[in-house]
N, C-alpha and C. Protein backbone atom coordinates (compact mmCIF):
# COMPACT_ATOMS: atom_id res chain seq x y z
N MET A 1 52.01 54.23 -0.98
CA MET A 1 52.70 53.99 0.26
C MET A 1 53.86 53.04 -0.03
N PRO A 2 55.01 53.30 0.54
CA PRO A 2 56.18 52.47 0.25
C PRO A 2 56.02 51.05 0.82
N SER A 3 56.31 50.08 -0.01
CA SER A 3 56.30 48.70 0.44
C SER A 3 57.66 48.39 1.07
N PRO A 4 57.68 47.92 2.33
CA PRO A 4 58.96 47.59 2.95
C PRO A 4 59.78 46.59 2.14
N SER A 5 59.15 45.59 1.57
CA SER A 5 59.93 44.60 0.80
C SER A 5 60.47 45.23 -0.49
N GLU A 6 59.70 46.13 -1.11
CA GLU A 6 60.21 46.82 -2.30
C GLU A 6 61.36 47.76 -1.95
N LEU A 7 61.24 48.44 -0.81
CA LEU A 7 62.34 49.30 -0.38
C LEU A 7 63.61 48.49 -0.16
N LEU A 8 63.48 47.32 0.44
CA LEU A 8 64.64 46.47 0.65
C LEU A 8 65.23 46.02 -0.69
N SER A 9 64.38 45.71 -1.64
CA SER A 9 64.86 45.34 -2.98
C SER A 9 65.61 46.49 -3.63
N VAL A 10 65.11 47.70 -3.47
CA VAL A 10 65.79 48.88 -4.01
C VAL A 10 67.16 49.04 -3.34
N ALA A 11 67.22 48.86 -2.04
CA ALA A 11 68.50 48.96 -1.33
C ALA A 11 69.50 47.95 -1.88
N LYS A 12 69.04 46.73 -2.10
CA LYS A 12 69.93 45.69 -2.67
C LYS A 12 70.39 46.10 -4.06
N PHE A 13 69.47 46.58 -4.88
CA PHE A 13 69.80 47.00 -6.24
C PHE A 13 70.85 48.11 -6.22
N LEU A 14 70.66 49.10 -5.38
CA LEU A 14 71.59 50.23 -5.31
C LEU A 14 72.98 49.80 -4.84
N SER A 15 73.04 48.76 -4.04
CA SER A 15 74.31 48.35 -3.44
C SER A 15 75.15 47.45 -4.33
N THR A 16 74.57 46.99 -5.42
CA THR A 16 75.32 46.07 -6.29
C THR A 16 76.03 46.85 -7.38
N SER A 17 77.15 46.33 -7.79
CA SER A 17 77.89 46.99 -8.85
C SER A 17 77.26 46.65 -10.19
N SER A 18 77.34 47.59 -11.09
CA SER A 18 76.84 47.34 -12.44
C SER A 18 78.03 47.15 -13.36
N GLY A 19 78.13 45.98 -13.93
CA GLY A 19 79.28 45.67 -14.76
C GLY A 19 80.53 45.56 -13.92
N SER A 20 81.59 46.21 -14.35
CA SER A 20 82.85 46.12 -13.60
C SER A 20 83.02 47.28 -12.62
N ALA A 21 82.12 48.26 -12.70
CA ALA A 21 82.23 49.43 -11.82
C ALA A 21 81.62 49.14 -10.46
N SER A 22 82.26 49.66 -9.44
CA SER A 22 81.70 49.56 -8.09
C SER A 22 80.58 50.56 -7.96
N PRO A 23 79.64 50.31 -7.05
CA PRO A 23 78.57 51.29 -6.84
C PRO A 23 79.15 52.61 -6.35
N SER A 24 78.54 53.70 -6.75
CA SER A 24 79.02 55.02 -6.34
C SER A 24 78.72 55.24 -4.86
N ASP A 25 79.39 56.24 -4.31
CA ASP A 25 79.15 56.63 -2.92
C ASP A 25 77.68 56.99 -2.72
N ALA A 26 77.11 57.70 -3.68
CA ALA A 26 75.70 58.09 -3.59
C ALA A 26 74.79 56.86 -3.57
N HIS A 27 75.09 55.87 -4.40
CA HIS A 27 74.28 54.65 -4.42
C HIS A 27 74.39 53.90 -3.08
N LEU A 28 75.60 53.83 -2.55
CA LEU A 28 75.80 53.12 -1.28
C LEU A 28 75.08 53.85 -0.14
N ARG A 29 75.18 55.17 -0.11
CA ARG A 29 74.49 55.95 0.93
C ARG A 29 72.97 55.76 0.83
N ARG A 30 72.46 55.85 -0.38
CA ARG A 30 71.01 55.70 -0.58
C ARG A 30 70.57 54.30 -0.21
N ALA A 31 71.41 53.28 -0.47
CA ALA A 31 71.07 51.90 -0.10
C ALA A 31 70.96 51.77 1.41
N VAL A 32 71.88 52.38 2.15
CA VAL A 32 71.83 52.33 3.62
C VAL A 32 70.56 53.02 4.12
N SER A 33 70.30 54.20 3.62
CA SER A 33 69.12 54.95 4.04
C SER A 33 67.84 54.19 3.69
N THR A 34 67.78 53.62 2.52
CA THR A 34 66.59 52.89 2.07
C THR A 34 66.37 51.63 2.90
N ALA A 35 67.43 50.96 3.30
CA ALA A 35 67.29 49.77 4.16
C ALA A 35 66.65 50.16 5.50
N TYR A 36 67.10 51.27 6.07
CA TYR A 36 66.47 51.75 7.30
C TYR A 36 64.99 52.06 7.08
N TYR A 37 64.70 52.76 5.99
CA TYR A 37 63.31 53.14 5.74
C TYR A 37 62.41 51.94 5.48
N ALA A 38 62.95 50.85 5.00
CA ALA A 38 62.15 49.63 4.86
C ALA A 38 61.64 49.19 6.23
N VAL A 39 62.49 49.26 7.23
CA VAL A 39 62.13 48.87 8.59
C VAL A 39 61.19 49.90 9.20
N PHE A 40 61.48 51.17 9.03
CA PHE A 40 60.63 52.23 9.57
C PHE A 40 59.21 52.13 8.99
N HIS A 41 59.13 51.96 7.69
CA HIS A 41 57.80 51.88 7.05
C HIS A 41 57.06 50.60 7.44
N ARG A 42 57.79 49.55 7.79
CA ARG A 42 57.12 48.33 8.26
C ARG A 42 56.36 48.60 9.55
N VAL A 43 56.97 49.37 10.46
CA VAL A 43 56.31 49.74 11.71
C VAL A 43 55.09 50.62 11.42
N SER A 44 55.27 51.61 10.57
CA SER A 44 54.18 52.53 10.23
C SER A 44 53.00 51.79 9.60
N LEU A 45 53.30 50.92 8.66
CA LEU A 45 52.26 50.16 7.98
C LEU A 45 51.55 49.21 8.94
N ALA A 46 52.32 48.53 9.78
CA ALA A 46 51.72 47.59 10.74
C ALA A 46 50.77 48.32 11.69
N ALA A 47 51.18 49.48 12.18
CA ALA A 47 50.33 50.23 13.12
C ALA A 47 49.06 50.74 12.43
N ALA A 48 49.21 51.33 11.27
CA ALA A 48 48.04 51.88 10.58
C ALA A 48 47.08 50.76 10.19
N THR A 49 47.61 49.64 9.74
CA THR A 49 46.75 48.51 9.37
C THR A 49 46.07 47.93 10.59
N ARG A 50 46.80 47.81 11.68
CA ARG A 50 46.24 47.21 12.90
C ARG A 50 45.14 48.08 13.50
N PHE A 51 45.38 49.38 13.56
CA PHE A 51 44.45 50.25 14.28
C PHE A 51 43.41 50.94 13.40
N ILE A 52 43.64 51.03 12.10
CA ILE A 52 42.65 51.61 11.19
C ILE A 52 41.99 50.50 10.38
N GLY A 53 42.77 49.53 9.94
CA GLY A 53 42.20 48.37 9.26
C GLY A 53 42.69 48.16 7.85
N HIS A 54 42.62 46.89 7.42
CA HIS A 54 42.94 46.53 6.04
C HIS A 54 41.95 47.21 5.11
N GLY A 55 42.42 47.59 3.94
CA GLY A 55 41.53 48.20 2.97
C GLY A 55 41.23 49.67 3.22
N GLN A 56 41.86 50.24 4.23
CA GLN A 56 41.62 51.65 4.58
C GLN A 56 42.79 52.55 4.20
N GLU A 57 43.66 52.05 3.33
CA GLU A 57 44.90 52.77 3.00
C GLU A 57 44.67 54.18 2.47
N HIS A 58 43.51 54.45 1.87
CA HIS A 58 43.24 55.77 1.30
C HIS A 58 42.46 56.68 2.23
N SER A 59 42.20 56.21 3.45
CA SER A 59 41.44 57.03 4.39
C SER A 59 42.35 58.03 5.09
N PRO A 60 41.80 59.16 5.49
CA PRO A 60 42.60 60.15 6.23
C PRO A 60 43.17 59.59 7.53
N GLY A 61 42.39 58.76 8.22
CA GLY A 61 42.87 58.19 9.48
C GLY A 61 44.08 57.29 9.28
N PHE A 62 44.06 56.51 8.22
CA PHE A 62 45.20 55.63 7.93
C PHE A 62 46.45 56.48 7.69
N ALA A 63 46.30 57.51 6.86
CA ALA A 63 47.45 58.38 6.56
C ALA A 63 47.95 59.09 7.81
N THR A 64 47.04 59.54 8.64
CA THR A 64 47.44 60.23 9.87
C THR A 64 48.21 59.29 10.79
N LEU A 65 47.69 58.10 10.98
CA LEU A 65 48.37 57.14 11.85
C LEU A 65 49.69 56.69 11.25
N TYR A 66 49.73 56.49 9.96
CA TYR A 66 50.95 56.07 9.27
C TYR A 66 52.07 57.07 9.50
N ARG A 67 51.71 58.35 9.54
CA ARG A 67 52.71 59.40 9.70
C ARG A 67 52.93 59.81 11.16
N ALA A 68 52.37 59.09 12.10
CA ALA A 68 52.40 59.49 13.50
C ALA A 68 53.74 59.25 14.20
N PHE A 69 54.60 58.45 13.62
CA PHE A 69 55.82 58.07 14.32
C PHE A 69 56.95 59.06 14.13
N ASN A 70 57.69 59.28 15.21
CA ASN A 70 58.89 60.10 15.22
C ASN A 70 60.09 59.17 15.30
N HIS A 71 61.04 59.35 14.41
CA HIS A 71 62.19 58.45 14.34
C HIS A 71 62.95 58.37 15.67
N GLY A 72 63.19 59.51 16.28
CA GLY A 72 63.94 59.54 17.54
C GLY A 72 63.20 58.84 18.67
N ASP A 73 61.89 59.06 18.74
CA ASP A 73 61.09 58.40 19.78
C ASP A 73 61.09 56.89 19.59
N LEU A 74 60.97 56.44 18.34
CA LEU A 74 61.01 54.99 18.09
C LEU A 74 62.35 54.41 18.51
N LYS A 75 63.42 55.10 18.17
CA LYS A 75 64.75 54.61 18.53
C LYS A 75 64.87 54.45 20.04
N LYS A 76 64.41 55.45 20.77
CA LYS A 76 64.50 55.42 22.23
C LYS A 76 63.71 54.24 22.83
N VAL A 77 62.50 54.05 22.36
CA VAL A 77 61.67 52.96 22.88
C VAL A 77 62.24 51.61 22.47
N PHE A 78 62.65 51.48 21.22
CA PHE A 78 63.21 50.20 20.78
C PHE A 78 64.50 49.86 21.52
N GLU A 79 65.30 50.84 21.86
CA GLU A 79 66.50 50.57 22.67
C GLU A 79 66.09 49.93 24.00
N ALA A 80 65.05 50.47 24.62
CA ALA A 80 64.58 49.92 25.90
C ALA A 80 63.97 48.54 25.72
N LEU A 81 63.28 48.31 24.60
CA LEU A 81 62.61 47.03 24.39
C LEU A 81 63.57 45.92 23.94
N SER A 82 64.77 46.27 23.57
CA SER A 82 65.72 45.25 23.12
C SER A 82 66.38 44.50 24.28
N LYS A 83 66.18 44.97 25.48
CA LYS A 83 66.79 44.35 26.66
C LYS A 83 66.14 43.01 26.97
N THR A 84 66.94 42.10 27.50
CA THR A 84 66.42 40.79 27.88
C THR A 84 65.33 40.90 28.92
N THR A 85 65.55 41.78 29.90
CA THR A 85 64.54 42.04 30.93
C THR A 85 64.11 43.50 30.80
N LEU A 86 62.82 43.71 30.72
CA LEU A 86 62.30 45.07 30.58
C LEU A 86 62.43 45.86 31.87
N SER A 87 62.56 47.16 31.73
CA SER A 87 62.57 48.03 32.90
C SER A 87 61.18 47.99 33.53
N GLU A 88 61.11 48.46 34.75
CA GLU A 88 59.82 48.47 35.46
C GLU A 88 58.76 49.24 34.68
N LYS A 89 59.15 50.37 34.11
CA LYS A 89 58.21 51.18 33.32
C LYS A 89 57.59 50.35 32.20
N TYR A 90 58.40 49.66 31.43
CA TYR A 90 57.88 48.90 30.28
C TYR A 90 57.21 47.60 30.71
N ARG A 91 57.65 47.03 31.83
CA ARG A 91 56.92 45.86 32.37
C ARG A 91 55.50 46.26 32.73
N ASP A 92 55.35 47.42 33.36
CA ASP A 92 54.02 47.90 33.76
C ASP A 92 53.16 48.23 32.53
N LEU A 93 53.74 48.93 31.58
CA LEU A 93 52.98 49.34 30.40
C LEU A 93 52.56 48.16 29.53
N LEU A 94 53.46 47.19 29.37
CA LEU A 94 53.17 46.05 28.51
C LEU A 94 52.61 44.85 29.26
N GLN A 95 52.62 44.95 30.58
CA GLN A 95 52.13 43.88 31.46
C GLN A 95 52.79 42.53 31.14
N ARG A 96 54.12 42.59 31.01
CA ARG A 96 54.92 41.38 30.81
C ARG A 96 56.35 41.69 31.24
N ALA A 97 57.05 40.66 31.67
CA ALA A 97 58.42 40.83 32.17
C ALA A 97 59.43 40.92 31.03
N ALA A 98 59.11 40.29 29.91
CA ALA A 98 60.04 40.28 28.79
C ALA A 98 59.28 40.16 27.48
N LEU A 99 59.97 40.46 26.42
CA LEU A 99 59.39 40.32 25.09
C LEU A 99 60.00 39.11 24.40
N SER A 100 59.37 38.68 23.34
CA SER A 100 59.87 37.53 22.58
C SER A 100 61.24 37.83 21.98
N GLN A 101 61.94 36.79 21.65
CA GLN A 101 63.25 36.93 21.03
C GLN A 101 63.13 37.70 19.71
N ASP A 102 62.08 37.44 18.94
CA ASP A 102 61.90 38.15 17.67
C ASP A 102 61.65 39.63 17.89
N MET A 103 60.86 39.99 18.89
CA MET A 103 60.62 41.41 19.16
C MET A 103 61.92 42.07 19.62
N ARG A 104 62.68 41.39 20.47
CA ARG A 104 63.95 41.96 20.93
C ARG A 104 64.92 42.13 19.77
N ALA A 105 64.94 41.16 18.84
CA ALA A 105 65.83 41.25 17.68
C ALA A 105 65.44 42.45 16.81
N PHE A 106 64.15 42.60 16.57
CA PHE A 106 63.68 43.75 15.79
C PHE A 106 64.02 45.05 16.53
N ALA A 107 63.73 45.08 17.81
CA ALA A 107 63.98 46.28 18.62
C ALA A 107 65.46 46.65 18.62
N ALA A 108 66.34 45.66 18.64
CA ALA A 108 67.79 45.93 18.64
C ALA A 108 68.25 46.43 17.27
N ALA A 109 67.65 45.93 16.21
CA ALA A 109 68.07 46.32 14.86
C ALA A 109 67.67 47.77 14.55
N PHE A 110 66.53 48.19 15.03
CA PHE A 110 66.02 49.51 14.66
C PHE A 110 67.00 50.64 15.01
N PRO A 111 67.48 50.75 16.25
CA PRO A 111 68.41 51.85 16.56
C PRO A 111 69.71 51.76 15.77
N SER A 112 70.19 50.56 15.57
CA SER A 112 71.42 50.36 14.80
C SER A 112 71.24 50.87 13.38
N LEU A 113 70.13 50.49 12.75
CA LEU A 113 69.87 50.92 11.38
C LEU A 113 69.66 52.43 11.31
N LYS A 114 69.05 53.01 12.34
CA LYS A 114 68.85 54.46 12.36
C LYS A 114 70.19 55.19 12.43
N VAL A 115 71.13 54.67 13.18
CA VAL A 115 72.46 55.28 13.26
C VAL A 115 73.13 55.25 11.89
N PHE A 116 73.07 54.11 11.22
CA PHE A 116 73.65 54.01 9.88
C PHE A 116 72.97 54.98 8.91
N ARG A 117 71.65 55.08 8.99
CA ARG A 117 70.91 55.99 8.12
C ARG A 117 71.34 57.44 8.37
N HIS A 118 71.52 57.78 9.62
CA HIS A 118 71.95 59.13 9.96
C HIS A 118 73.34 59.41 9.38
N LEU A 119 74.24 58.45 9.51
CA LEU A 119 75.58 58.60 8.94
C LEU A 119 75.51 58.77 7.42
N ALA A 120 74.70 57.93 6.78
CA ALA A 120 74.60 57.97 5.32
C ALA A 120 73.99 59.29 4.84
N ASP A 121 73.02 59.80 5.56
CA ASP A 121 72.31 60.99 5.10
C ASP A 121 72.94 62.31 5.51
N TYR A 122 73.71 62.32 6.60
CA TYR A 122 74.14 63.60 7.15
C TYR A 122 75.64 63.78 7.37
N HIS A 123 76.44 62.78 7.16
CA HIS A 123 77.87 62.89 7.43
C HIS A 123 78.67 62.73 6.14
N PRO A 124 79.07 63.85 5.56
CA PRO A 124 79.71 63.80 4.24
C PRO A 124 81.05 63.06 4.21
N ALA A 125 81.76 63.00 5.31
CA ALA A 125 83.07 62.35 5.31
C ALA A 125 82.98 60.82 5.45
N VAL A 126 81.85 60.32 5.85
CA VAL A 126 81.70 58.88 6.04
C VAL A 126 81.64 58.19 4.68
N ARG A 127 82.36 57.09 4.56
CA ARG A 127 82.34 56.28 3.35
C ARG A 127 81.95 54.86 3.74
N PHE A 128 81.09 54.27 2.96
CA PHE A 128 80.67 52.88 3.18
C PHE A 128 81.25 52.01 2.08
N SER A 129 81.73 50.85 2.49
CA SER A 129 82.17 49.86 1.49
C SER A 129 80.95 49.04 1.08
N PRO A 130 80.99 48.45 -0.08
CA PRO A 130 79.87 47.58 -0.48
C PRO A 130 79.57 46.49 0.54
N SER A 131 80.61 45.94 1.17
CA SER A 131 80.37 44.88 2.16
C SER A 131 79.71 45.44 3.42
N GLU A 132 80.04 46.66 3.82
CA GLU A 132 79.36 47.28 4.96
C GLU A 132 77.89 47.53 4.64
N VAL A 133 77.63 47.98 3.44
CA VAL A 133 76.25 48.24 3.04
C VAL A 133 75.46 46.94 2.99
N LEU A 134 76.07 45.90 2.48
CA LEU A 134 75.41 44.59 2.45
C LEU A 134 75.07 44.14 3.87
N ALA A 135 75.96 44.37 4.83
CA ALA A 135 75.69 44.00 6.22
C ALA A 135 74.50 44.79 6.77
N VAL A 136 74.39 46.07 6.42
CA VAL A 136 73.26 46.88 6.86
C VAL A 136 71.96 46.35 6.25
N ILE A 137 72.01 46.04 4.97
CA ILE A 137 70.82 45.51 4.29
C ILE A 137 70.42 44.17 4.90
N ASN A 138 71.39 43.33 5.19
CA ASN A 138 71.09 42.04 5.82
C ASN A 138 70.48 42.23 7.20
N GLU A 139 70.96 43.22 7.94
CA GLU A 139 70.37 43.51 9.26
C GLU A 139 68.91 43.94 9.12
N ALA A 140 68.64 44.76 8.13
CA ALA A 140 67.26 45.21 7.89
C ALA A 140 66.39 44.03 7.47
N GLU A 141 66.90 43.17 6.62
CA GLU A 141 66.13 42.00 6.18
C GLU A 141 65.85 41.07 7.35
N PHE A 142 66.84 40.85 8.19
CA PHE A 142 66.66 40.01 9.39
C PHE A 142 65.61 40.64 10.31
N ALA A 143 65.66 41.96 10.46
CA ALA A 143 64.69 42.65 11.32
C ALA A 143 63.27 42.48 10.78
N LEU A 144 63.10 42.64 9.48
CA LEU A 144 61.77 42.48 8.88
C LEU A 144 61.24 41.06 9.05
N GLU A 145 62.12 40.08 8.88
CA GLU A 145 61.72 38.68 9.07
C GLU A 145 61.32 38.43 10.52
N ALA A 146 62.09 38.98 11.46
CA ALA A 146 61.76 38.83 12.89
C ALA A 146 60.42 39.48 13.19
N PHE A 147 60.18 40.67 12.66
CA PHE A 147 58.93 41.38 12.90
C PHE A 147 57.74 40.56 12.42
N ASP A 148 57.88 39.93 11.29
CA ASP A 148 56.78 39.13 10.74
C ASP A 148 56.47 37.89 11.57
N ARG A 149 57.42 37.44 12.38
CA ARG A 149 57.21 36.25 13.23
C ARG A 149 56.63 36.59 14.60
N ILE A 150 56.55 37.85 14.95
CA ILE A 150 56.08 38.25 16.28
C ILE A 150 54.58 37.96 16.39
N ALA A 151 54.19 37.40 17.52
CA ALA A 151 52.77 37.11 17.76
C ALA A 151 51.97 38.41 17.69
N GLU A 152 50.77 38.32 17.12
CA GLU A 152 49.95 39.52 16.90
C GLU A 152 49.65 40.28 18.19
N GLY A 153 49.37 39.59 19.27
CA GLY A 153 49.07 40.27 20.53
C GLY A 153 50.25 41.10 21.03
N GLU A 154 51.43 40.52 21.00
CA GLU A 154 52.63 41.23 21.42
C GLU A 154 52.91 42.41 20.48
N LYS A 155 52.75 42.19 19.19
CA LYS A 155 52.98 43.25 18.20
C LYS A 155 52.01 44.41 18.44
N THR A 156 50.74 44.09 18.67
CA THR A 156 49.73 45.13 18.92
C THR A 156 50.07 45.94 20.16
N ASP A 157 50.48 45.27 21.22
CA ASP A 157 50.84 45.97 22.46
C ASP A 157 52.01 46.92 22.23
N VAL A 158 53.02 46.46 21.51
CA VAL A 158 54.19 47.30 21.27
C VAL A 158 53.85 48.45 20.33
N LEU A 159 53.06 48.19 19.30
CA LEU A 159 52.65 49.27 18.39
C LEU A 159 51.86 50.35 19.14
N ALA A 160 50.98 49.93 20.04
CA ALA A 160 50.22 50.89 20.84
C ALA A 160 51.17 51.71 21.73
N LEU A 161 52.15 51.04 22.31
CA LEU A 161 53.14 51.72 23.13
C LEU A 161 53.92 52.74 22.30
N LEU A 162 54.30 52.36 21.10
CA LEU A 162 55.03 53.27 20.24
C LEU A 162 54.20 54.49 19.86
N LEU A 163 52.92 54.27 19.63
CA LEU A 163 52.03 55.39 19.30
C LEU A 163 51.84 56.33 20.49
N ALA A 164 51.82 55.77 21.68
CA ALA A 164 51.64 56.60 22.88
C ALA A 164 52.88 57.45 23.12
N GLY A 165 54.04 56.98 22.67
CA GLY A 165 55.28 57.73 22.75
C GLY A 165 55.60 58.19 24.15
N SER A 166 55.96 59.45 24.28
CA SER A 166 56.41 59.98 25.56
C SER A 166 55.28 60.12 26.57
N ARG A 167 54.05 59.97 26.12
CA ARG A 167 52.92 60.07 27.04
C ARG A 167 52.75 58.79 27.87
N SER A 168 53.44 57.74 27.50
CA SER A 168 53.27 56.48 28.24
C SER A 168 54.19 56.42 29.44
């Protein structure tokens, strides 16, 4: 299973120039995509660990839950959760008027990183500069740090909401 911190390290490695040569377009694109996947896999790992349990990484249930997330659905929910004040729907589902600053920061970063990943993976005319890629990687790193600071109860509620997806 991909380690989010290792994925972020790979993104950093890909984005740096080797010697006097600048990183290739392919390296920069892969760095952007990998930074996004570090954040995506952090959500998947957190949910599977929370609801299946530590030490269950090789169980079928862990794998099923790990793979349960849809990128588009996550983006949509995280866009809604990044707001200072939650909509009535999310206030009712989460039984709170607002989320912590760290959850909102993570929620705001996710859709942004997904847009960059989509550009890197699917738009051949788009070019990223090394400084743009570094900014994307920094955003992913900031998001991961924010996620790790979120209180467990709030994190569990949001992970459950994400798993419920459009049924909530």
